[in-house]
Amino acid sequence: MDQVSNKILDTVKSSVPYKASIEKAIKNKDVQKELGTPIKSDLTILSLNDVNHEEREDYGKTDMHIPLVGSNGTADLHVIGKKMGNGNVVK
């Protein structure tokens, strides 16, 4: 992977929506049962749409697909979220 791609992935992996969603998925008993443990994100393929498309720091939205890999299989974690004011909302 080139330096630009690595920088983009590092930025995504340090974002609140990414970290909160991964943590929630990894701790979910149904996800653990389906995928097996340990569960890791596979960022070789990632789809991002409308990530912080606004210039304002107090507003942004994200729509991303994160591949998950467990001992029993793989899944696609679809994250939709928006930041309004000082808080983040991740669905």
Protein backbone atom coordinates (compact mmCIF):
# COMPACT_ATOMS: atom_id res chain seq x y z
CA MET A 1 0.00 0.00 0.00
CA ASP A 2 1.30 3.47 -0.77
CA GLN A 3 1.83 6.26 1.77
CA VAL A 4 -1.38 8.10 0.86
CA SER A 5 -3.48 4.95 1.34
CA ASN A 6 -1.78 4.23 4.66
CA LYS A 7 -2.47 7.79 5.85
CA ILE A 8 -6.15 7.49 4.90
CA LEU A 9 -6.48 4.17 6.73
CA ASP A 10 -4.72 5.58 9.81
CA THR A 11 -7.12 8.54 9.81
CA VAL A 12 -10.16 6.28 9.51
CA LYS A 13 -8.91 3.90 12.22
CA SER A 14 -8.43 6.82 14.64
CA SER A 15 -11.92 8.26 14.04
CA VAL A 16 -14.65 8.07 16.68
CA PRO A 17 -17.17 6.31 14.40
CA TYR A 18 -14.65 3.61 13.45
CA LYS A 19 -13.41 2.97 17.00
CA ALA A 20 -16.89 3.01 18.58
CA SER A 21 -18.34 0.69 15.93
CA ILE A 22 -15.51 -1.81 16.06
CA GLU A 23 -15.65 -1.93 19.86
CA LYS A 24 -19.42 -2.44 19.82
CA ALA A 25 -19.20 -5.21 17.20
CA ILE A 26 -16.35 -7.06 18.94
CA LYS A 27 -18.21 -7.07 22.28
CA ASN A 28 -21.55 -8.18 20.78
CA LYS A 29 -22.33 -11.79 21.76
CA ASP A 30 -24.30 -12.47 18.55
CA VAL A 31 -21.40 -11.24 16.41
CA GLN A 32 -18.95 -13.35 18.45
CA LYS A 33 -21.14 -16.43 18.00
CA GLU A 34 -21.47 -15.90 14.23
CA LEU A 35 -17.88 -14.89 13.40
CA GLY A 36 -15.98 -16.62 16.19
CA THR A 37 -13.25 -14.98 18.24
CA PRO A 38 -11.02 -13.12 18.07
CA ILE A 39 -12.69 -10.60 15.75
CA LYS A 40 -10.52 -8.15 13.85
CA SER A 41 -11.14 -5.52 11.22
CA ASP A 42 -9.68 -6.18 7.80
CA LEU A 43 -8.95 -2.80 6.28
CA THR A 44 -7.64 -4.08 3.00
CA ILE A 45 -11.06 -3.13 1.58
CA LEU A 46 -13.06 -0.24 2.98
CA SER A 47 -15.90 1.77 1.54
CA LEU A 48 -16.37 5.38 2.67
CA ASN A 49 -19.14 7.75 1.69
CA ASP A 50 -19.79 11.34 2.82
CA VAL A 51 -17.17 11.27 5.58
CA ASN A 52 -17.13 14.73 7.15
CA HIS A 53 -18.16 16.31 3.89
CA GLU A 54 -18.90 19.59 5.64
CA GLU A 55 -16.14 22.07 6.37
CA ARG A 56 -17.50 22.80 9.84
CA GLU A 57 -15.86 21.03 12.80
CA ASP A 58 -19.15 20.69 14.68
CA TYR A 59 -20.94 18.72 11.95
CA GLY A 60 -20.12 15.72 9.83
CA LYS A 61 -21.48 12.39 8.78
CA THR A 62 -20.11 9.02 7.89
CA ASP A 63 -21.28 6.00 5.97
CA MET A 64 -18.67 3.25 5.85
CA HIS A 65 -18.37 -0.48 5.40
CA ILE A 66 -15.73 -2.24 7.49
CA PRO A 67 -14.82 -5.88 6.79
CA LEU A 68 -14.68 -8.01 9.97
CA VAL A 69 -12.83 -11.31 10.24
CA GLY A 70 -13.31 -13.98 12.92
CA SER A 71 -12.24 -17.58 13.33
CA ASN A 72 -15.56 -18.79 11.82
CA GLY A 73 -15.95 -16.34 8.95
CA THR A 74 -16.25 -12.78 7.73
CA ALA A 75 -18.87 -10.02 7.78
CA ASP A 76 -19.40 -6.46 6.63
CA LEU A 77 -20.00 -3.89 9.37
CA HIS A 78 -22.07 -1.02 7.95
CA VAL A 79 -21.60 2.16 10.00
CA ILE A 80 -23.86 5.18 9.61
CA GLY A 81 -23.30 8.11 11.92
CA LYS A 82 -23.36 11.85 12.26
CA LYS A 83 -21.77 14.44 14.46
CA MET A 84 -23.93 17.26 15.66
CA GLY A 85 -22.52 19.90 17.98
CA ASN A 86 -20.11 18.46 20.53
CA GLY A 87 -21.39 14.88 20.39
CA ASN A 88 -21.23 11.92 18.03
CA VAL A 89 -24.10 9.66 17.10
CA VAL A 90 -23.24 6.26 15.63
CA LYS A 91 -26.02 3.92 14.52
